[in-house]
Amino acid sequence: MACIFCRIIAKEIPAEFLFENDCAIAILDVNPIHYGHALVIPKNHHKDFLEVPEKELAGIMHAVHVVSRALVKSFELKGFNFFSNNGAIAGQSVFHFHIHITPRYEGDNIRFVLQLKRYEGDDMKDVASKIRAAILE
């Protein structure tokens, strides 16, 4: 069992557990963006979000909700982010799906550097048609 998250779930590696339900655990990230940065990890190994069975999603999101509320209360937060990196190109480094929850503070200088695009002509309709076709497959 090489997956570090599977080993944490099996309690072979120590971690600071915050919450657990039938589908997921929540732990503190050992390399936090801010103190309190938590990870919600499905108990079953799934490489990324697309591999997570639909029946597990509610339990995973319940854990995200519980831990997010606790972070807001504990640190009197005005905001937080939750996100997941899926695939190496998106920054995923542990290939066991997980969701990050990190506190945010005014002036913390954490930013997504975006280069926003604009649709031109019928491009938006074409893109939407392509996505809808894939949904119906």
N, C-alpha and C. Protein backbone atom coordinates (compact mmCIF):
# COMPACT_ATOMS: atom_id res chain seq x y z
N MET A 1 0.86 -1.17 0.00
CA MET A 1 0.00 0.00 0.00
C MET A 1 0.91 1.24 0.00
N ALA A 2 1.21 1.77 -1.18
CA ALA A 2 2.15 2.87 -1.30
C ALA A 2 1.51 4.24 -1.11
N CYS A 3 0.21 4.36 -1.29
CA CYS A 3 -0.46 5.65 -1.22
C CYS A 3 -0.40 6.20 0.20
N ILE A 4 0.17 7.39 0.34
CA ILE A 4 0.31 7.98 1.67
C ILE A 4 -1.04 8.21 2.34
N PHE A 5 -2.06 8.60 1.56
CA PHE A 5 -3.37 8.83 2.17
C PHE A 5 -4.01 7.52 2.62
N CYS A 6 -3.84 6.46 1.84
CA CYS A 6 -4.35 5.15 2.26
C CYS A 6 -3.67 4.71 3.55
N ARG A 7 -2.39 5.01 3.68
CA ARG A 7 -1.65 4.65 4.89
C ARG A 7 -2.10 5.48 6.09
N ILE A 8 -2.45 6.74 5.85
CA ILE A 8 -2.98 7.58 6.93
C ILE A 8 -4.34 7.06 7.36
N ILE A 9 -5.20 6.73 6.39
CA ILE A 9 -6.54 6.19 6.70
C ILE A 9 -6.43 4.91 7.51
N ALA A 10 -5.44 4.08 7.17
CA ALA A 10 -5.21 2.81 7.88
C ALA A 10 -4.49 3.04 9.21
N LYS A 11 -4.18 4.28 9.51
CA LYS A 11 -3.49 4.67 10.76
C LYS A 11 -2.09 4.08 10.85
N GLU A 12 -1.46 3.87 9.69
CA GLU A 12 -0.05 3.43 9.65
C GLU A 12 0.89 4.61 9.74
N ILE A 13 0.38 5.79 9.40
CA ILE A 13 1.15 7.03 9.47
C ILE A 13 0.35 7.99 10.34
N PRO A 14 1.01 8.65 11.30
CA PRO A 14 0.26 9.56 12.17
C PRO A 14 -0.23 10.80 11.41
N ALA A 15 -1.36 11.31 11.85
CA ALA A 15 -1.93 12.54 11.30
C ALA A 15 -2.81 13.16 12.37
N GLU A 16 -3.07 14.43 12.22
CA GLU A 16 -4.00 15.12 13.11
C GLU A 16 -5.39 15.01 12.50
N PHE A 17 -6.17 14.02 13.00
CA PHE A 17 -7.53 13.79 12.51
C PHE A 17 -8.46 14.85 13.07
N LEU A 18 -9.29 15.40 12.20
CA LEU A 18 -10.26 16.43 12.59
C LEU A 18 -11.69 15.91 12.61
N PHE A 19 -12.00 15.01 11.66
CA PHE A 19 -13.37 14.55 11.49
C PHE A 19 -13.33 13.26 10.70
N GLU A 20 -14.37 12.44 10.91
CA GLU A 20 -14.49 11.19 10.16
C GLU A 20 -15.96 10.84 10.04
N ASN A 21 -16.34 10.35 8.87
CA ASN A 21 -17.66 9.77 8.68
C ASN A 21 -17.49 8.47 7.88
N ASP A 22 -18.55 7.89 7.40
CA ASP A 22 -18.44 6.61 6.68
C ASP A 22 -17.64 6.70 5.39
N CYS A 23 -17.61 7.88 4.78
CA CYS A 23 -16.99 8.03 3.46
C CYS A 23 -15.63 8.72 3.46
N ALA A 24 -15.34 9.51 4.48
CA ALA A 24 -14.15 10.37 4.42
C ALA A 24 -13.55 10.62 5.78
N ILE A 25 -12.29 11.06 5.74
CA ILE A 25 -11.62 11.59 6.91
C ILE A 25 -11.21 13.02 6.60
N ALA A 26 -10.97 13.79 7.63
CA ALA A 26 -10.40 15.13 7.48
C ALA A 26 -9.20 15.22 8.41
N ILE A 27 -8.10 15.73 7.86
CA ILE A 27 -6.86 15.87 8.62
C ILE A 27 -6.27 17.25 8.36
N LEU A 28 -5.35 17.66 9.23
CA LEU A 28 -4.60 18.87 8.95
C LEU A 28 -3.54 18.57 7.89
N ASP A 29 -3.35 19.49 6.96
CA ASP A 29 -2.29 19.37 5.95
C ASP A 29 -0.95 19.61 6.63
N VAL A 30 0.04 18.76 6.38
CA VAL A 30 1.35 18.92 7.02
C VAL A 30 2.14 20.09 6.43
N ASN A 31 1.76 20.55 5.26
CA ASN A 31 2.39 21.71 4.62
C ASN A 31 1.31 22.75 4.33
N PRO A 32 0.80 23.42 5.37
CA PRO A 32 -0.37 24.27 5.18
C PRO A 32 -0.09 25.59 4.49
N ILE A 33 -1.09 26.05 3.75
CA ILE A 33 -1.08 27.41 3.21
C ILE A 33 -1.22 28.39 4.38
N HIS A 34 -2.15 28.10 5.26
CA HIS A 34 -2.35 28.82 6.53
C HIS A 34 -2.61 27.76 7.59
N TYR A 35 -2.32 28.07 8.86
CA TYR A 35 -2.64 27.14 9.93
C TYR A 35 -4.13 26.84 9.90
N GLY A 36 -4.47 25.56 10.03
CA GLY A 36 -5.86 25.12 9.93
C GLY A 36 -6.17 24.53 8.57
N HIS A 37 -5.29 24.70 7.58
CA HIS A 37 -5.48 24.12 6.24
C HIS A 37 -5.72 22.62 6.41
N ALA A 38 -6.88 22.18 5.96
CA ALA A 38 -7.31 20.79 6.15
C ALA A 38 -7.46 20.08 4.81
N LEU A 39 -7.40 18.77 4.87
CA LEU A 39 -7.65 17.91 3.72
C LEU A 39 -8.80 16.99 4.04
N VAL A 40 -9.75 16.87 3.14
CA VAL A 40 -10.82 15.88 3.25
C VAL A 40 -10.51 14.81 2.22
N ILE A 41 -10.40 13.57 2.70
CA ILE A 41 -9.92 12.46 1.88
C ILE A 41 -10.92 11.31 1.93
N PRO A 42 -11.39 10.84 0.77
CA PRO A 42 -12.27 9.67 0.79
C PRO A 42 -11.55 8.47 1.40
N LYS A 43 -12.28 7.66 2.13
CA LYS A 43 -11.69 6.46 2.71
C LYS A 43 -11.31 5.44 1.64
N ASN A 44 -12.07 5.40 0.56
CA ASN A 44 -11.75 4.50 -0.55
C ASN A 44 -10.81 5.22 -1.50
N HIS A 45 -9.83 4.49 -2.01
CA HIS A 45 -8.85 5.09 -2.92
C HIS A 45 -9.48 5.34 -4.28
N HIS A 46 -9.45 6.61 -4.70
CA HIS A 46 -9.88 7.03 -6.03
C HIS A 46 -8.83 8.01 -6.51
N LYS A 47 -8.30 7.76 -7.69
CA LYS A 47 -7.21 8.58 -8.22
C LYS A 47 -7.57 10.06 -8.28
N ASP A 48 -8.76 10.37 -8.76
CA ASP A 48 -9.17 11.76 -8.90
C ASP A 48 -10.69 11.87 -8.77
N PHE A 49 -11.20 13.09 -8.89
CA PHE A 49 -12.63 13.35 -8.70
C PHE A 49 -13.49 12.50 -9.63
N LEU A 50 -13.07 12.32 -10.86
CA LEU A 50 -13.89 11.58 -11.82
C LEU A 50 -14.00 10.10 -11.49
N GLU A 51 -13.11 9.59 -10.67
CA GLU A 51 -13.19 8.18 -10.25
C GLU A 51 -14.05 7.97 -9.00
N VAL A 52 -14.44 9.04 -8.33
CA VAL A 52 -15.23 8.91 -7.10
C VAL A 52 -16.66 8.51 -7.48
N PRO A 53 -17.16 7.38 -6.94
CA PRO A 53 -18.54 6.99 -7.22
C PRO A 53 -19.52 8.02 -6.67
N GLU A 54 -20.58 8.26 -7.41
CA GLU A 54 -21.57 9.26 -7.03
C GLU A 54 -22.11 9.01 -5.62
N LYS A 55 -22.24 7.74 -5.23
CA LYS A 55 -22.81 7.42 -3.92
C LYS A 55 -21.90 7.88 -2.76
N GLU A 56 -20.63 8.17 -3.03
CA GLU A 56 -19.71 8.63 -1.99
C GLU A 56 -19.63 10.15 -1.90
N LEU A 57 -20.11 10.84 -2.92
CA LEU A 57 -19.93 12.29 -2.97
C LEU A 57 -20.62 13.02 -1.82
N ALA A 58 -21.82 12.60 -1.46
CA ALA A 58 -22.55 13.29 -0.39
C ALA A 58 -21.78 13.21 0.93
N GLY A 59 -21.23 12.05 1.24
CA GLY A 59 -20.47 11.89 2.48
C GLY A 59 -19.19 12.71 2.48
N ILE A 60 -18.53 12.79 1.32
CA ILE A 60 -17.31 13.59 1.20
C ILE A 60 -17.64 15.06 1.40
N MET A 61 -18.70 15.53 0.71
CA MET A 61 -19.07 16.94 0.83
C MET A 61 -19.60 17.27 2.22
N HIS A 62 -20.23 16.30 2.89
CA HIS A 62 -20.64 16.52 4.27
C HIS A 62 -19.42 16.81 5.13
N ALA A 63 -18.35 16.04 4.95
CA ALA A 63 -17.12 16.28 5.70
C ALA A 63 -16.54 17.65 5.39
N VAL A 64 -16.56 18.06 4.12
CA VAL A 64 -16.07 19.39 3.74
C VAL A 64 -16.89 20.47 4.46
N HIS A 65 -18.19 20.28 4.52
CA HIS A 65 -19.09 21.25 5.16
C HIS A 65 -18.81 21.34 6.66
N VAL A 66 -18.71 20.22 7.33
CA VAL A 66 -18.47 20.19 8.78
C VAL A 66 -17.14 20.87 9.11
N VAL A 67 -16.10 20.51 8.39
CA VAL A 67 -14.77 21.05 8.68
C VAL A 67 -14.71 22.54 8.32
N SER A 68 -15.33 22.93 7.22
CA SER A 68 -15.35 24.36 6.85
C SER A 68 -16.01 25.19 7.94
N ARG A 69 -17.15 24.72 8.44
CA ARG A 69 -17.84 25.44 9.53
C ARG A 69 -16.94 25.55 10.76
N ALA A 70 -16.24 24.46 11.08
CA ALA A 70 -15.36 24.46 12.25
C ALA A 70 -14.19 25.42 12.07
N LEU A 71 -13.64 25.48 10.87
CA LEU A 71 -12.54 26.42 10.61
C LEU A 71 -13.01 27.87 10.77
N VAL A 72 -14.17 28.18 10.19
CA VAL A 72 -14.71 29.54 10.29
C VAL A 72 -14.93 29.91 11.75
N LYS A 73 -15.48 28.99 12.52
CA LYS A 73 -15.75 29.25 13.95
C LYS A 73 -14.44 29.36 14.74
N SER A 74 -13.52 28.42 14.52
CA SER A 74 -12.27 28.38 15.30
C SER A 74 -11.39 29.60 15.09
N PHE A 75 -11.31 30.05 13.84
CA PHE A 75 -10.40 31.15 13.50
C PHE A 75 -11.13 32.46 13.19
N GLU A 76 -12.45 32.48 13.44
CA GLU A 76 -13.27 33.67 13.16
C GLU A 76 -13.00 34.19 11.74
N LEU A 77 -13.06 33.27 10.79
CA LEU A 77 -12.73 33.59 9.40
C LEU A 77 -13.84 34.38 8.72
N LYS A 78 -13.44 35.25 7.83
CA LYS A 78 -14.37 35.95 6.96
C LYS A 78 -14.48 35.24 5.61
N GLY A 79 -13.59 34.27 5.38
CA GLY A 79 -13.63 33.52 4.13
C GLY A 79 -12.68 32.34 4.15
N PHE A 80 -12.88 31.45 3.19
CA PHE A 80 -12.03 30.27 3.04
C PHE A 80 -12.17 29.79 1.60
N ASN A 81 -11.23 28.97 1.17
CA ASN A 81 -11.33 28.32 -0.14
C ASN A 81 -11.40 26.82 0.09
N PHE A 82 -12.15 26.15 -0.79
CA PHE A 82 -11.96 24.71 -0.89
C PHE A 82 -11.78 24.39 -2.36
N PHE A 83 -10.83 23.48 -2.60
CA PHE A 83 -10.47 23.17 -3.97
C PHE A 83 -9.83 21.79 -4.05
N SER A 84 -9.76 21.30 -5.27
CA SER A 84 -9.13 20.00 -5.53
C SER A 84 -8.35 20.09 -6.82
N ASN A 85 -7.12 19.60 -6.80
CA ASN A 85 -6.31 19.52 -8.01
C ASN A 85 -6.51 18.12 -8.59
N ASN A 86 -6.86 18.05 -9.87
CA ASN A 86 -7.13 16.77 -10.52
C ASN A 86 -6.26 16.63 -11.75
N GLY A 87 -5.28 15.74 -11.66
CA GLY A 87 -4.31 15.54 -12.72
C GLY A 87 -3.05 16.34 -12.46
N ALA A 88 -1.92 15.79 -12.91
CA ALA A 88 -0.62 16.44 -12.67
C ALA A 88 -0.60 17.86 -13.24
N ILE A 89 -1.20 18.06 -14.40
CA ILE A 89 -1.19 19.38 -15.02
C ILE A 89 -1.94 20.41 -14.18
N ALA A 90 -2.85 19.94 -13.32
CA ALA A 90 -3.61 20.83 -12.44
C ALA A 90 -2.96 20.97 -11.07
N GLY A 91 -1.79 20.35 -10.88
CA GLY A 91 -1.08 20.48 -9.62
C GLY A 91 -1.28 19.33 -8.65
N GLN A 92 -1.97 18.26 -9.08
CA GLN A 92 -2.17 17.12 -8.17
C GLN A 92 -0.83 16.42 -7.96
N SER A 93 -0.45 16.22 -6.69
CA SER A 93 0.81 15.55 -6.38
C SER A 93 0.60 14.23 -5.66
N VAL A 94 -0.54 14.07 -4.98
CA VAL A 94 -0.90 12.80 -4.37
C VAL A 94 -2.12 12.30 -5.15
N PHE A 95 -1.98 11.15 -5.78
CA PHE A 95 -3.02 10.66 -6.67
C PHE A 95 -4.03 9.77 -5.94
N HIS A 96 -4.59 10.37 -4.90
CA HIS A 96 -5.73 9.87 -4.14
C HIS A 96 -6.58 11.13 -3.97
N PHE A 97 -7.75 11.15 -4.57
CA PHE A 97 -8.58 12.35 -4.57
C PHE A 97 -8.67 12.94 -3.17
N HIS A 98 -8.61 14.26 -3.09
CA HIS A 98 -8.78 14.96 -1.81
C HIS A 98 -9.17 16.41 -2.09
N ILE A 99 -9.79 17.01 -1.10
CA ILE A 99 -10.23 18.39 -1.18
C ILE A 99 -9.49 19.18 -0.10
N HIS A 100 -8.88 20.28 -0.52
CA HIS A 100 -8.22 21.20 0.41
C HIS A 100 -9.25 22.20 0.92
N ILE A 101 -9.15 22.53 2.19
CA ILE A 101 -9.92 23.64 2.76
C ILE A 101 -8.90 24.53 3.46
N THR A 102 -8.80 25.78 3.03
CA THR A 102 -7.80 26.65 3.64
C THR A 102 -8.41 27.98 4.07
N PRO A 103 -8.08 28.40 5.29
CA PRO A 103 -8.53 29.71 5.75
C PRO A 103 -7.97 30.81 4.85
N ARG A 104 -8.71 31.90 4.76
CA ARG A 104 -8.24 33.08 4.01
C ARG A 104 -8.28 34.28 4.93
N TYR A 105 -7.31 35.16 4.72
CA TYR A 105 -7.18 36.36 5.52
C TYR A 105 -6.95 37.55 4.61
N GLU A 106 -7.44 38.70 5.01
CA GLU A 106 -7.23 39.90 4.23
C GLU A 106 -5.72 40.14 4.09
N GLY A 107 -5.29 40.42 2.87
CA GLY A 107 -3.88 40.71 2.61
C GLY A 107 -2.98 39.49 2.62
N ASP A 108 -3.55 38.27 2.55
CA ASP A 108 -2.69 37.07 2.59
C ASP A 108 -1.97 36.81 1.27
N ASN A 109 -2.30 37.57 0.25
CA ASN A 109 -1.59 37.54 -1.03
C ASN A 109 -1.62 36.18 -1.74
N ILE A 110 -2.64 35.40 -1.47
CA ILE A 110 -2.82 34.14 -2.20
C ILE A 110 -3.73 34.46 -3.38
N ARG A 111 -3.26 34.18 -4.57
CA ARG A 111 -4.03 34.53 -5.76
C ARG A 111 -3.89 33.46 -6.82
N PHE A 112 -4.97 33.29 -7.55
CA PHE A 112 -4.91 32.52 -8.77
C PHE A 112 -4.58 33.53 -9.86
N VAL A 113 -3.52 33.33 -10.57
CA VAL A 113 -3.14 34.25 -11.64
C VAL A 113 -3.86 33.78 -12.90
N LEU A 114 -4.84 34.57 -13.31
CA LEU A 114 -5.71 34.18 -14.42
C LEU A 114 -5.48 35.05 -15.64
N GLN A 115 -5.61 34.44 -16.78
CA GLN A 115 -5.64 35.17 -18.04
C GLN A 115 -6.99 34.87 -18.67
N LEU A 116 -7.97 35.69 -18.31
CA LEU A 116 -9.34 35.45 -18.76
C LEU A 116 -9.46 35.63 -20.27
N LYS A 117 -10.31 34.83 -20.85
CA LYS A 117 -10.54 34.86 -22.29
C LYS A 117 -11.93 35.38 -22.57
N ARG A 118 -12.19 35.70 -23.81
CA ARG A 118 -13.52 36.13 -24.25
C ARG A 118 -13.93 35.24 -25.41
N TYR A 119 -15.19 34.81 -25.38
CA TYR A 119 -15.74 34.09 -26.53
C TYR A 119 -16.03 35.10 -27.63
N GLU A 120 -15.83 34.67 -28.85
CA GLU A 120 -16.14 35.54 -29.99
C GLU A 120 -17.10 34.81 -30.90
N GLY A 121 -17.94 35.59 -31.56
CA GLY A 121 -18.88 35.02 -32.52
C GLY A 121 -19.72 33.92 -31.89
N ASP A 122 -19.75 32.75 -32.55
CA ASP A 122 -20.53 31.61 -32.07
C ASP A 122 -19.71 30.64 -31.20
N ASP A 123 -18.52 31.05 -30.80
CA ASP A 123 -17.65 30.14 -30.03
C ASP A 123 -18.31 29.64 -28.75
N MET A 124 -19.02 30.51 -28.05
CA MET A 124 -19.66 30.11 -26.79
C MET A 124 -20.72 29.04 -27.05
N LYS A 125 -21.52 29.22 -28.08
CA LYS A 125 -22.55 28.24 -28.44
C LYS A 125 -21.90 26.93 -28.85
N ASP A 126 -20.81 26.99 -29.60
CA ASP A 126 -20.12 25.78 -30.05
C ASP A 126 -19.54 24.99 -28.87
N VAL A 127 -18.93 25.70 -27.95
CA VAL A 127 -18.36 25.05 -26.76
C VAL A 127 -19.47 24.42 -25.93
N ALA A 128 -20.55 25.15 -25.73
CA ALA A 128 -21.68 24.63 -24.94
C ALA A 128 -22.28 23.40 -25.61
N SER A 129 -22.40 23.41 -26.93
CA SER A 129 -22.94 22.26 -27.66
C SER A 129 -22.05 21.03 -27.48
N LYS A 130 -20.75 21.23 -27.53
CA LYS A 130 -19.80 20.13 -27.36
C LYS A 130 -19.93 19.51 -25.96
N ILE A 131 -20.06 20.35 -24.95
CA ILE A 131 -20.19 19.86 -23.56
C ILE A 131 -21.52 19.14 -23.38
N ARG A 132 -22.60 19.74 -23.90
CA ARG A 132 -23.92 19.09 -23.77
C ARG A 132 -23.93 17.72 -24.45
N ALA A 133 -23.28 17.61 -25.60
CA ALA A 133 -23.21 16.33 -26.31
C ALA A 133 -22.49 15.28 -25.46
N ALA A 134 -21.41 15.69 -24.79
CA ALA A 134 -20.68 14.75 -23.93
C ALA A 134 -21.51 14.34 -22.72
N ILE A 135 -22.33 15.25 -22.20
CA ILE A 135 -23.20 14.91 -21.06
C ILE A 135 -24.22 13.86 -21.46
N LEU A 136 -24.72 13.94 -22.68
CA LEU A 136 -25.74 13.00 -23.15
C LEU A 136 -25.20 11.64 -23.55
N GLU A 137 -23.88 11.54 -23.72
CA GLU A 137 -23.29 10.24 -24.14
C GLU A 137 -23.41 9.19 -23.07
